[in-house]
N, C-alpha and C. Protein backbone atom coordinates (compact mmCIF):
# COMPACT_ATOMS: atom_id res chain seq x y z
N MET A 1 31.36 -98.73 182.84
CA MET A 1 32.58 -99.27 182.27
C MET A 1 33.48 -98.11 181.82
N ASP A 2 34.77 -98.23 182.05
CA ASP A 2 35.72 -97.17 181.70
C ASP A 2 35.87 -97.00 180.19
N ILE A 3 36.26 -95.80 179.79
CA ILE A 3 36.59 -95.51 178.40
C ILE A 3 38.10 -95.47 178.29
N ILE A 4 38.64 -96.18 177.31
CA ILE A 4 40.08 -96.18 177.06
C ILE A 4 40.37 -95.31 175.85
N ILE A 5 41.32 -94.41 175.98
CA ILE A 5 41.78 -93.59 174.86
C ILE A 5 43.19 -94.04 174.54
N ARG A 6 43.42 -94.42 173.27
CA ARG A 6 44.74 -94.95 172.90
C ARG A 6 45.02 -94.70 171.43
N VAL A 7 46.31 -94.86 171.08
CA VAL A 7 46.71 -94.78 169.68
C VAL A 7 46.10 -95.98 168.95
N ALA A 8 45.53 -95.74 167.79
CA ALA A 8 44.88 -96.80 167.02
C ALA A 8 45.90 -97.81 166.52
N GLU A 9 45.43 -99.05 166.39
CA GLU A 9 46.25 -100.16 165.88
C GLU A 9 45.59 -100.68 164.61
N ALA A 10 46.36 -101.44 163.83
CA ALA A 10 45.85 -101.94 162.54
C ALA A 10 44.53 -102.68 162.69
N SER A 11 44.36 -103.41 163.78
CA SER A 11 43.12 -104.19 163.97
C SER A 11 41.89 -103.29 164.17
N ASP A 12 42.11 -101.99 164.42
CA ASP A 12 40.99 -101.06 164.64
C ASP A 12 40.33 -100.58 163.35
N ILE A 13 40.81 -101.05 162.20
CA ILE A 13 40.18 -100.60 160.95
C ILE A 13 38.71 -100.99 160.89
N GLN A 14 38.30 -101.93 161.72
CA GLN A 14 36.89 -102.32 161.78
C GLN A 14 35.96 -101.16 162.14
N TYR A 15 36.51 -100.10 162.74
CA TYR A 15 35.70 -98.97 163.17
C TYR A 15 35.56 -97.88 162.10
N ALA A 16 36.22 -98.04 160.95
CA ALA A 16 36.26 -96.97 159.94
C ALA A 16 34.88 -96.53 159.47
N GLU A 17 34.00 -97.48 159.17
CA GLU A 17 32.65 -97.13 158.70
C GLU A 17 31.88 -96.35 159.76
N ALA A 18 31.96 -96.82 161.00
CA ALA A 18 31.26 -96.15 162.11
C ALA A 18 31.79 -94.73 162.31
N ILE A 19 33.10 -94.55 162.18
CA ILE A 19 33.70 -93.22 162.33
C ILE A 19 33.17 -92.29 161.25
N CYS A 20 33.17 -92.74 160.00
CA CYS A 20 32.69 -91.91 158.90
C CYS A 20 31.21 -91.56 159.07
N ASN A 21 30.41 -92.51 159.55
CA ASN A 21 29.00 -92.24 159.80
C ASN A 21 28.81 -91.21 160.90
N LEU A 22 29.63 -91.31 161.95
CA LEU A 22 29.56 -90.33 163.04
C LEU A 22 29.88 -88.92 162.54
N ILE A 23 30.92 -88.81 161.73
CA ILE A 23 31.31 -87.50 161.18
C ILE A 23 30.17 -86.94 160.34
N LYS A 24 29.59 -87.78 159.50
CA LYS A 24 28.49 -87.35 158.62
C LYS A 24 27.27 -86.92 159.43
N GLU A 25 26.89 -87.71 160.41
CA GLU A 25 25.72 -87.38 161.25
C GLU A 25 25.95 -86.11 162.06
N SER A 26 27.16 -85.95 162.55
CA SER A 26 27.48 -84.74 163.32
C SER A 26 27.38 -83.50 162.45
N ALA A 27 27.86 -83.58 161.22
CA ALA A 27 27.77 -82.45 160.30
C ALA A 27 26.32 -82.09 160.05
N LYS A 28 25.48 -83.11 159.87
CA LYS A 28 24.05 -82.88 159.63
C LYS A 28 23.39 -82.21 160.83
N ALA A 29 23.69 -82.74 162.03
CA ALA A 29 23.06 -82.22 163.25
C ALA A 29 23.50 -80.79 163.55
N ARG A 30 24.78 -80.50 163.32
CA ARG A 30 25.29 -79.17 163.62
C ARG A 30 24.91 -78.15 162.57
N GLY A 31 24.69 -78.62 161.34
CA GLY A 31 24.35 -77.70 160.26
C GLY A 31 25.49 -76.79 159.88
N THR A 32 26.73 -77.18 160.23
CA THR A 32 27.89 -76.37 159.89
C THR A 32 28.85 -77.20 159.04
N GLY A 33 29.91 -76.57 158.62
CA GLY A 33 30.84 -77.23 157.72
C GLY A 33 31.72 -78.26 158.40
N ILE A 34 31.53 -79.50 158.04
CA ILE A 34 32.45 -80.57 158.42
C ILE A 34 32.68 -81.38 157.15
N ALA A 35 33.93 -81.49 156.74
CA ALA A 35 34.23 -82.26 155.53
C ALA A 35 34.03 -83.74 155.81
N GLU A 36 33.40 -84.42 154.87
CA GLU A 36 33.19 -85.86 155.02
C GLU A 36 34.50 -86.60 154.79
N ARG A 37 34.59 -87.79 155.36
CA ARG A 37 35.75 -88.66 155.17
C ARG A 37 35.25 -90.01 154.69
N GLN A 38 36.05 -90.66 153.87
CA GLN A 38 35.70 -91.97 153.34
C GLN A 38 36.35 -93.07 154.18
N PRO A 39 35.70 -94.23 154.33
CA PRO A 39 36.27 -95.31 155.14
C PRO A 39 37.68 -95.72 154.72
N LYS A 40 37.96 -95.72 153.42
CA LYS A 40 39.31 -96.09 152.96
C LYS A 40 40.35 -95.14 153.53
N TYR A 41 40.04 -93.86 153.55
CA TYR A 41 40.96 -92.84 154.08
C TYR A 41 41.17 -93.05 155.58
N VAL A 42 40.09 -93.27 156.31
CA VAL A 42 40.17 -93.48 157.76
C VAL A 42 40.93 -94.76 158.07
N ARG A 43 40.69 -95.82 157.30
CA ARG A 43 41.42 -97.07 157.51
C ARG A 43 42.93 -96.86 157.37
N ALA A 44 43.33 -96.05 156.38
CA ALA A 44 44.77 -95.78 156.18
C ALA A 44 45.35 -95.05 157.37
N LYS A 45 44.62 -94.09 157.93
CA LYS A 45 45.10 -93.35 159.11
C LYS A 45 45.26 -94.29 160.30
N ILE A 46 44.30 -95.18 160.48
CA ILE A 46 44.36 -96.14 161.58
C ILE A 46 45.53 -97.10 161.39
N ALA A 47 45.66 -97.64 160.17
CA ALA A 47 46.68 -98.65 159.90
C ALA A 47 48.10 -98.12 160.09
N ASN A 48 48.31 -96.83 159.80
CA ASN A 48 49.67 -96.31 159.94
C ASN A 48 49.93 -95.63 161.28
N GLY A 49 49.03 -95.82 162.24
CA GLY A 49 49.24 -95.30 163.59
C GLY A 49 49.10 -93.81 163.72
N ASN A 50 48.36 -93.19 162.80
CA ASN A 50 48.14 -91.74 162.84
C ASN A 50 46.73 -91.39 163.31
N ALA A 51 46.24 -92.14 164.27
CA ALA A 51 44.89 -91.90 164.78
C ALA A 51 44.80 -92.29 166.26
N VAL A 52 43.81 -91.72 166.91
CA VAL A 52 43.53 -92.01 168.32
C VAL A 52 42.06 -92.42 168.42
N LEU A 53 41.82 -93.48 169.17
CA LEU A 53 40.46 -93.99 169.39
C LEU A 53 40.10 -93.89 170.86
N ALA A 54 38.82 -93.68 171.10
CA ALA A 54 38.27 -93.83 172.45
C ALA A 54 37.25 -94.96 172.38
N LEU A 55 37.42 -95.95 173.23
CA LEU A 55 36.55 -97.13 173.21
C LEU A 55 36.03 -97.44 174.61
N GLN A 56 34.77 -97.83 174.67
CA GLN A 56 34.22 -98.39 175.91
C GLN A 56 33.92 -99.85 175.58
N GLY A 57 34.80 -100.73 176.04
CA GLY A 57 34.73 -102.12 175.59
C GLY A 57 35.01 -102.15 174.10
N ASP A 58 34.05 -102.68 173.32
CA ASP A 58 34.19 -102.68 171.86
C ASP A 58 33.40 -101.56 171.20
N THR A 59 32.81 -100.69 172.00
CA THR A 59 31.97 -99.62 171.46
C THR A 59 32.80 -98.37 171.20
N LEU A 60 32.68 -97.83 169.97
CA LEU A 60 33.38 -96.62 169.60
C LEU A 60 32.79 -95.43 170.34
N ALA A 61 33.64 -94.72 171.08
CA ALA A 61 33.20 -93.53 171.80
C ALA A 61 33.69 -92.25 171.13
N GLY A 62 34.87 -92.31 170.47
CA GLY A 62 35.40 -91.11 169.84
C GLY A 62 36.62 -91.41 169.01
N PHE A 63 37.07 -90.37 168.26
CA PHE A 63 38.14 -90.57 167.29
C PHE A 63 38.74 -89.24 166.88
N CYS A 64 40.01 -89.26 166.49
CA CYS A 64 40.68 -88.12 165.87
C CYS A 64 41.92 -88.65 165.15
N TYR A 65 42.37 -87.97 164.11
CA TYR A 65 43.54 -88.45 163.38
C TYR A 65 44.47 -87.29 163.03
N ILE A 66 45.68 -87.64 162.58
CA ILE A 66 46.63 -86.62 162.15
C ILE A 66 46.93 -86.78 160.66
N GLU A 67 47.14 -85.64 160.03
CA GLU A 67 47.55 -85.58 158.64
C GLU A 67 48.86 -84.81 158.58
N VAL A 68 49.74 -85.21 157.68
CA VAL A 68 51.06 -84.58 157.57
C VAL A 68 51.16 -83.88 156.22
N TRP A 69 51.66 -82.64 156.23
CA TRP A 69 51.71 -81.82 155.02
C TRP A 69 53.06 -81.15 154.87
N SER A 70 53.34 -80.68 153.67
CA SER A 70 54.52 -79.87 153.36
C SER A 70 55.81 -80.48 153.89
N HIS A 71 56.04 -81.74 153.52
CA HIS A 71 57.28 -82.45 153.90
C HIS A 71 57.50 -82.46 155.41
N ASN A 72 56.46 -82.83 156.15
CA ASN A 72 56.50 -82.97 157.62
C ASN A 72 56.65 -81.65 158.37
N ARG A 73 56.46 -80.53 157.70
CA ARG A 73 56.57 -79.24 158.39
C ARG A 73 55.26 -78.82 159.07
N TYR A 74 54.15 -79.41 158.63
CA TYR A 74 52.84 -79.12 159.22
C TYR A 74 52.11 -80.42 159.51
N VAL A 75 51.42 -80.45 160.64
CA VAL A 75 50.59 -81.59 161.02
C VAL A 75 49.22 -81.05 161.42
N ALA A 76 48.17 -81.60 160.82
CA ALA A 76 46.80 -81.21 161.18
C ALA A 76 46.18 -82.29 162.05
N ASN A 77 45.53 -81.88 163.12
CA ASN A 77 44.70 -82.78 163.92
C ASN A 77 43.28 -82.61 163.39
N SER A 78 42.72 -83.68 162.83
CA SER A 78 41.44 -83.57 162.11
C SER A 78 40.48 -84.67 162.53
N GLY A 79 39.22 -84.47 162.12
CA GLY A 79 38.21 -85.51 162.28
C GLY A 79 37.82 -85.81 163.72
N LEU A 80 37.99 -84.84 164.62
CA LEU A 80 37.61 -85.07 166.02
C LEU A 80 36.10 -85.32 166.10
N ILE A 81 35.75 -86.46 166.68
CA ILE A 81 34.33 -86.82 166.80
C ILE A 81 34.11 -87.61 168.08
N VAL A 82 32.98 -87.35 168.72
CA VAL A 82 32.57 -88.10 169.91
C VAL A 82 31.14 -88.60 169.65
N ALA A 83 30.92 -89.87 169.89
CA ALA A 83 29.58 -90.45 169.71
C ALA A 83 28.59 -89.78 170.67
N PRO A 84 27.34 -89.57 170.23
CA PRO A 84 26.36 -88.86 171.06
C PRO A 84 26.24 -89.38 172.49
N ALA A 85 26.27 -90.68 172.68
CA ALA A 85 26.10 -91.25 174.03
C ALA A 85 27.24 -90.91 174.97
N PHE A 86 28.37 -90.42 174.42
CA PHE A 86 29.55 -90.15 175.24
C PHE A 86 29.89 -88.67 175.32
N ARG A 87 28.98 -87.82 174.88
CA ARG A 87 29.23 -86.38 174.93
C ARG A 87 28.99 -85.85 176.34
N ARG A 88 29.55 -84.69 176.60
CA ARG A 88 29.44 -83.99 177.89
C ARG A 88 30.17 -84.71 179.01
N LEU A 89 31.20 -85.47 178.67
CA LEU A 89 32.03 -86.15 179.67
C LEU A 89 33.46 -85.62 179.66
N GLY A 90 33.74 -84.62 178.82
CA GLY A 90 35.10 -84.12 178.67
C GLY A 90 35.95 -85.01 177.77
N LEU A 91 35.29 -85.90 177.03
CA LEU A 91 36.01 -86.87 176.21
C LEU A 91 36.71 -86.20 175.02
N ALA A 92 36.07 -85.23 174.39
CA ALA A 92 36.68 -84.55 173.24
C ALA A 92 38.02 -83.93 173.64
N ARG A 93 38.06 -83.29 174.78
CA ARG A 93 39.30 -82.67 175.27
C ARG A 93 40.38 -83.72 175.47
N GLN A 94 40.02 -84.86 176.03
CA GLN A 94 41.00 -85.93 176.28
C GLN A 94 41.52 -86.53 174.97
N ILE A 95 40.62 -86.74 174.01
CA ILE A 95 41.03 -87.28 172.71
C ILE A 95 41.96 -86.30 172.02
N LYS A 96 41.57 -85.03 172.00
CA LYS A 96 42.37 -84.00 171.33
C LYS A 96 43.75 -83.87 171.98
N SER A 97 43.80 -83.96 173.29
CA SER A 97 45.07 -83.90 174.00
C SER A 97 45.96 -85.08 173.61
N HIS A 98 45.36 -86.27 173.50
CA HIS A 98 46.11 -87.47 173.15
C HIS A 98 46.63 -87.38 171.72
N VAL A 99 45.82 -86.91 170.77
CA VAL A 99 46.26 -86.82 169.38
C VAL A 99 47.31 -85.72 169.23
N PHE A 100 47.21 -84.68 170.05
CA PHE A 100 48.22 -83.61 170.04
C PHE A 100 49.57 -84.17 170.49
N ARG A 101 49.56 -84.99 171.54
CA ARG A 101 50.81 -85.61 172.01
C ARG A 101 51.36 -86.58 170.96
N LEU A 102 50.47 -87.32 170.29
CA LEU A 102 50.91 -88.21 169.22
C LEU A 102 51.59 -87.41 168.10
N SER A 103 51.02 -86.27 167.75
CA SER A 103 51.60 -85.40 166.73
C SER A 103 52.99 -84.92 167.14
N ARG A 104 53.11 -84.48 168.38
CA ARG A 104 54.40 -84.00 168.90
C ARG A 104 55.43 -85.13 168.94
N HIS A 105 54.98 -86.34 169.26
CA HIS A 105 55.87 -87.48 169.34
C HIS A 105 56.40 -87.88 167.95
N LYS A 106 55.49 -87.99 166.99
CA LYS A 106 55.88 -88.46 165.66
C LYS A 106 56.54 -87.39 164.81
N PHE A 107 56.13 -86.14 165.02
CA PHE A 107 56.64 -85.04 164.20
C PHE A 107 57.02 -83.85 165.10
N PRO A 108 58.08 -84.00 165.89
CA PRO A 108 58.42 -82.99 166.91
C PRO A 108 58.76 -81.62 166.35
N GLU A 109 59.13 -81.52 165.09
CA GLU A 109 59.52 -80.23 164.53
C GLU A 109 58.42 -79.61 163.66
N ALA A 110 57.25 -80.20 163.68
CA ALA A 110 56.16 -79.69 162.84
C ALA A 110 55.30 -78.68 163.59
N HIS A 111 54.71 -77.79 162.82
CA HIS A 111 53.67 -76.89 163.34
C HIS A 111 52.37 -77.71 163.35
N VAL A 112 51.69 -77.76 164.50
CA VAL A 112 50.43 -78.50 164.60
C VAL A 112 49.29 -77.50 164.44
N PHE A 113 48.34 -77.82 163.54
CA PHE A 113 47.27 -76.87 163.29
C PHE A 113 45.94 -77.58 163.09
N GLY A 114 44.89 -76.79 163.07
CA GLY A 114 43.56 -77.28 162.78
C GLY A 114 42.70 -76.13 162.29
N ILE A 115 41.62 -76.47 161.59
CA ILE A 115 40.62 -75.47 161.23
C ILE A 115 39.27 -76.01 161.68
N THR A 116 38.46 -75.15 162.23
CA THR A 116 37.19 -75.61 162.79
C THR A 116 36.17 -74.48 162.83
N THR A 117 34.89 -74.87 162.83
CA THR A 117 33.80 -73.92 163.08
C THR A 117 33.26 -74.10 164.51
N SER A 118 33.79 -75.07 165.24
CA SER A 118 33.26 -75.42 166.55
C SER A 118 33.92 -74.60 167.67
N LEU A 119 33.09 -73.88 168.42
CA LEU A 119 33.60 -73.11 169.55
C LEU A 119 34.23 -74.03 170.59
N ALA A 120 33.62 -75.19 170.82
CA ALA A 120 34.17 -76.14 171.80
C ALA A 120 35.57 -76.58 171.40
N VAL A 121 35.77 -76.88 170.11
CA VAL A 121 37.10 -77.30 169.63
C VAL A 121 38.09 -76.15 169.74
N MET A 122 37.65 -74.92 169.46
CA MET A 122 38.53 -73.76 169.61
C MET A 122 39.01 -73.63 171.06
N ARG A 123 38.11 -73.84 171.99
CA ARG A 123 38.49 -73.76 173.41
C ARG A 123 39.50 -74.85 173.78
N ILE A 124 39.25 -76.06 173.28
CA ILE A 124 40.19 -77.16 173.54
C ILE A 124 41.56 -76.82 172.95
N ASN A 125 41.55 -76.36 171.69
CA ASN A 125 42.81 -76.00 171.03
C ASN A 125 43.56 -74.93 171.82
N SER A 126 42.85 -73.92 172.29
CA SER A 126 43.48 -72.85 173.08
C SER A 126 44.15 -73.41 174.32
N SER A 127 43.48 -74.36 174.98
CA SER A 127 44.04 -74.94 176.21
C SER A 127 45.31 -75.75 175.92
N LEU A 128 45.48 -76.19 174.66
CA LEU A 128 46.67 -76.95 174.27
C LEU A 128 47.78 -76.05 173.72
N GLY A 129 47.52 -74.74 173.66
CA GLY A 129 48.55 -73.81 173.20
C GLY A 129 48.41 -73.34 171.76
N TYR A 130 47.30 -73.68 171.12
CA TYR A 130 47.06 -73.18 169.77
C TYR A 130 46.67 -71.70 169.86
N LYS A 131 47.01 -70.95 168.79
CA LYS A 131 46.60 -69.55 168.67
C LYS A 131 45.89 -69.37 167.33
N PRO A 132 44.87 -68.49 167.30
CA PRO A 132 44.20 -68.21 166.02
C PRO A 132 45.20 -67.54 165.06
N VAL A 133 45.16 -67.94 163.80
CA VAL A 133 46.05 -67.38 162.78
C VAL A 133 45.26 -67.20 161.48
N THR A 134 45.87 -66.50 160.54
CA THR A 134 45.27 -66.40 159.21
C THR A 134 45.60 -67.68 158.44
N PHE A 135 44.82 -67.95 157.41
CA PHE A 135 45.05 -69.16 156.62
C PHE A 135 46.42 -69.16 155.95
N SER A 136 46.99 -67.97 155.74
CA SER A 136 48.30 -67.89 155.08
C SER A 136 49.41 -68.51 155.93
N GLU A 137 49.17 -68.69 157.23
CA GLU A 137 50.18 -69.29 158.12
C GLU A 137 50.09 -70.81 158.17
N LEU A 138 49.13 -71.38 157.47
CA LEU A 138 48.98 -72.84 157.43
C LEU A 138 49.69 -73.39 156.20
N THR A 139 49.70 -74.70 156.10
CA THR A 139 50.26 -75.33 154.90
C THR A 139 49.54 -74.80 153.66
N GLN A 140 50.27 -74.64 152.60
CA GLN A 140 49.66 -74.23 151.33
C GLN A 140 49.54 -75.43 150.38
N ASP A 141 49.73 -76.61 150.92
CA ASP A 141 49.64 -77.85 150.15
C ASP A 141 48.23 -77.98 149.56
N ASP A 142 48.14 -78.07 148.24
CA ASP A 142 46.83 -78.16 147.56
C ASP A 142 46.00 -79.34 148.06
N ALA A 143 46.67 -80.46 148.36
CA ALA A 143 45.94 -81.66 148.81
C ALA A 143 45.21 -81.40 150.13
N PHE A 144 45.79 -80.58 151.01
CA PHE A 144 45.10 -80.26 152.26
C PHE A 144 43.80 -79.53 151.97
N TRP A 145 43.86 -78.51 151.15
CA TRP A 145 42.67 -77.70 150.88
C TRP A 145 41.65 -78.46 150.07
N GLN A 146 42.10 -79.42 149.27
CA GLN A 146 41.16 -80.26 148.53
C GLN A 146 40.32 -81.10 149.49
N GLY A 147 40.88 -81.38 150.69
CA GLY A 147 40.13 -82.12 151.70
C GLY A 147 38.89 -81.38 152.18
N CYS A 148 38.84 -80.08 151.93
CA CYS A 148 37.67 -79.28 152.31
C CYS A 148 36.56 -79.35 151.26
N ALA A 149 36.82 -79.99 150.13
CA ALA A 149 35.88 -79.96 149.00
C ALA A 149 34.51 -80.52 149.34
N SER A 150 34.42 -81.46 150.29
CA SER A 150 33.12 -82.04 150.62
C SER A 150 32.38 -81.23 151.68
N CYS A 151 32.99 -80.15 152.15
CA CYS A 151 32.34 -79.27 153.13
C CYS A 151 31.33 -78.38 152.42
N PRO A 152 30.16 -78.14 153.03
CA PRO A 152 29.16 -77.29 152.37
C PRO A 152 29.62 -75.84 152.19
N ASN A 153 30.68 -75.44 152.89
CA ASN A 153 31.18 -74.06 152.79
C ASN A 153 32.35 -73.92 151.82
N TYR A 154 32.65 -74.97 151.07
CA TYR A 154 33.82 -74.96 150.20
C TYR A 154 33.80 -73.82 149.19
N ASP A 155 32.60 -73.45 148.71
CA ASP A 155 32.52 -72.35 147.75
C ASP A 155 33.02 -71.04 148.34
N ILE A 156 32.82 -70.85 149.65
CA ILE A 156 33.31 -69.64 150.32
C ILE A 156 34.84 -69.65 150.32
N LEU A 157 35.42 -70.78 150.64
CA LEU A 157 36.89 -70.92 150.64
C LEU A 157 37.45 -70.64 149.25
N LYS A 158 36.83 -71.21 148.22
CA LYS A 158 37.30 -70.99 146.84
C LYS A 158 37.16 -69.54 146.41
N ARG A 159 36.01 -68.94 146.73
CA ARG A 159 35.77 -67.54 146.36
C ARG A 159 36.83 -66.61 146.96
N ASN A 160 37.33 -66.98 148.13
CA ASN A 160 38.30 -66.14 148.83
C ASN A 160 39.75 -66.60 148.62
N ASP A 161 39.97 -67.38 147.56
CA ASP A 161 41.33 -67.85 147.22
C ASP A 161 42.04 -68.49 148.40
N ARG A 162 41.29 -69.27 149.20
CA ARG A 162 41.81 -70.00 150.36
C ARG A 162 42.42 -69.08 151.42
N LYS A 163 41.97 -67.83 151.44
CA LYS A 163 42.48 -66.90 152.45
C LYS A 163 41.57 -66.84 153.67
N MET A 164 40.29 -67.22 153.48
CA MET A 164 39.35 -67.21 154.60
C MET A 164 38.12 -68.05 154.27
N CYS A 165 37.46 -68.47 155.34
CA CYS A 165 36.23 -69.25 155.21
C CYS A 165 35.45 -69.05 156.51
N LEU A 166 34.51 -69.92 156.80
CA LEU A 166 33.80 -69.84 158.08
C LEU A 166 34.61 -70.49 159.20
N CYS A 167 35.57 -71.33 158.84
CA CYS A 167 36.43 -71.96 159.85
C CYS A 167 37.41 -70.96 160.43
N THR A 168 37.80 -71.22 161.67
CA THR A 168 38.90 -70.49 162.30
C THR A 168 40.14 -71.37 162.22
N ALA A 169 41.23 -70.79 161.77
CA ALA A 169 42.51 -71.51 161.72
C ALA A 169 43.23 -71.32 163.05
N MET A 170 43.81 -72.41 163.57
CA MET A 170 44.55 -72.33 164.83
C MET A 170 45.85 -73.11 164.67
N LEU A 171 46.92 -72.56 165.24
CA LEU A 171 48.26 -73.12 165.05
C LEU A 171 49.00 -73.19 166.38
N ALA A 172 49.63 -74.34 166.63
CA ALA A 172 50.53 -74.49 167.78
C ALA A 172 51.95 -74.48 167.23
N GLU A 173 52.72 -73.49 167.62
CA GLU A 173 54.07 -73.35 167.09
C GLU A 173 54.97 -74.48 167.59
N VAL A 174 56.04 -74.72 166.84
CA VAL A 174 57.06 -75.67 167.26
C VAL A 174 57.69 -75.12 168.54
N ASP A 175 57.90 -75.99 169.53
CA ASP A 175 58.50 -75.56 170.80
C ASP A 175 59.68 -76.47 171.13
N LEU A 176 60.76 -76.33 170.36
CA LEU A 176 61.92 -77.18 170.57
C LEU A 176 62.64 -76.85 171.87
N GLN A 177 62.43 -75.62 172.38
CA GLN A 177 63.08 -75.23 173.63
C GLN A 177 62.60 -76.09 174.80
N ASN A 178 61.31 -76.43 174.77
CA ASN A 178 60.70 -77.16 175.89
C ASN A 178 60.38 -78.60 175.52
N LYS A 179 61.14 -79.15 174.58
CA LYS A 179 60.87 -80.52 174.13
C LYS A 179 61.04 -81.49 175.29
N VAL A 180 60.01 -82.27 175.53
CA VAL A 180 60.04 -83.26 176.61
C VAL A 180 59.55 -84.59 176.06
N ALA A 181 59.81 -85.65 176.80
CA ALA A 181 59.31 -86.97 176.40
C ALA A 181 57.79 -86.93 176.38
N VAL A 182 57.21 -87.56 175.39
CA VAL A 182 55.76 -87.55 175.22
C VAL A 182 55.19 -88.87 175.74
N ASP A 183 54.22 -88.77 176.63
CA ASP A 183 53.56 -89.95 177.20
C ASP A 183 52.37 -90.34 176.31
N LEU A 184 52.49 -91.51 175.66
CA LEU A 184 51.41 -91.98 174.80
C LEU A 184 50.70 -93.19 175.39
N SER A 185 50.89 -93.44 176.69
CA SER A 185 50.22 -94.59 177.29
C SER A 185 48.71 -94.37 177.27
N ASP A 186 47.98 -95.48 177.31
CA ASP A 186 46.51 -95.41 177.27
C ASP A 186 45.99 -94.54 178.40
N GLN A 187 44.97 -93.76 178.11
CA GLN A 187 44.27 -92.98 179.12
C GLN A 187 43.00 -93.73 179.46
N ILE A 188 42.62 -93.68 180.73
CA ILE A 188 41.38 -94.32 181.15
C ILE A 188 40.49 -93.26 181.78
N ILE A 189 39.28 -93.17 181.30
CA ILE A 189 38.30 -92.23 181.85
C ILE A 189 37.20 -93.04 182.49
N SER A 190 36.97 -92.79 183.76
CA SER A 190 35.88 -93.48 184.45
C SER A 190 34.59 -92.73 184.20
N VAL A 191 33.61 -93.44 183.70
CA VAL A 191 32.32 -92.84 183.38
C VAL A 191 31.37 -93.09 184.53
N PRO A 192 30.73 -92.03 185.05
CA PRO A 192 29.79 -92.24 186.15
C PRO A 192 28.64 -93.16 185.73
N GLN A 193 28.30 -94.07 186.59
CA GLN A 193 27.18 -94.99 186.32
C GLN A 193 25.86 -94.26 186.55
N PRO A 194 24.84 -94.54 185.72
CA PRO A 194 23.54 -93.90 185.95
C PRO A 194 22.98 -94.32 187.32
N GLN A 195 22.37 -93.34 187.98
CA GLN A 195 21.82 -93.63 189.31
C GLN A 195 20.39 -94.13 189.18
N ASN A 196 20.05 -95.11 190.02
CA ASN A 196 18.67 -95.62 190.06
C ASN A 196 17.90 -94.87 191.14
N TYR A 197 16.73 -94.41 190.77
CA TYR A 197 15.90 -93.71 191.76
C TYR A 197 14.68 -94.51 192.10
């Protein structure tokens, strides 16, 4: 069955608990810093159209959302997660690409950024035009950095006065010169069927 990647709708709030559980389990399995998210927070992102879902039928395959900071001057793509059964299909790249386009569509003049410890996410970000930067080039909004408080590496961030941590900061500059219409139509990924031997 195909996987559909699309902008989340209000009716998708039913997936909030599953999304938060996926984020938590992924953090545990990776043993690296991933800030936890609460269902109420995820529901708000879904309800206001600031999230992208990947679904196979009614089954959650993946998720990512956008956060807006510093009076719409910065947008973070956060919470990228793919359910274990759907990994190694290139789904994370497709979700991230879709949420990046959503960010460009809703906030065309914003700097799009992310922080991550994941090499795979860094590679995806690079393919979308992000460049590694110092933390000083990101939003200095206190609420953004408070979002890192549930990460196991938060003490490192605090000790370094929010100048560095184990995460790599990546930023996609505003590109008003090449502004084009953004295609937000649903993406469909065909998943190979298991072969019977």
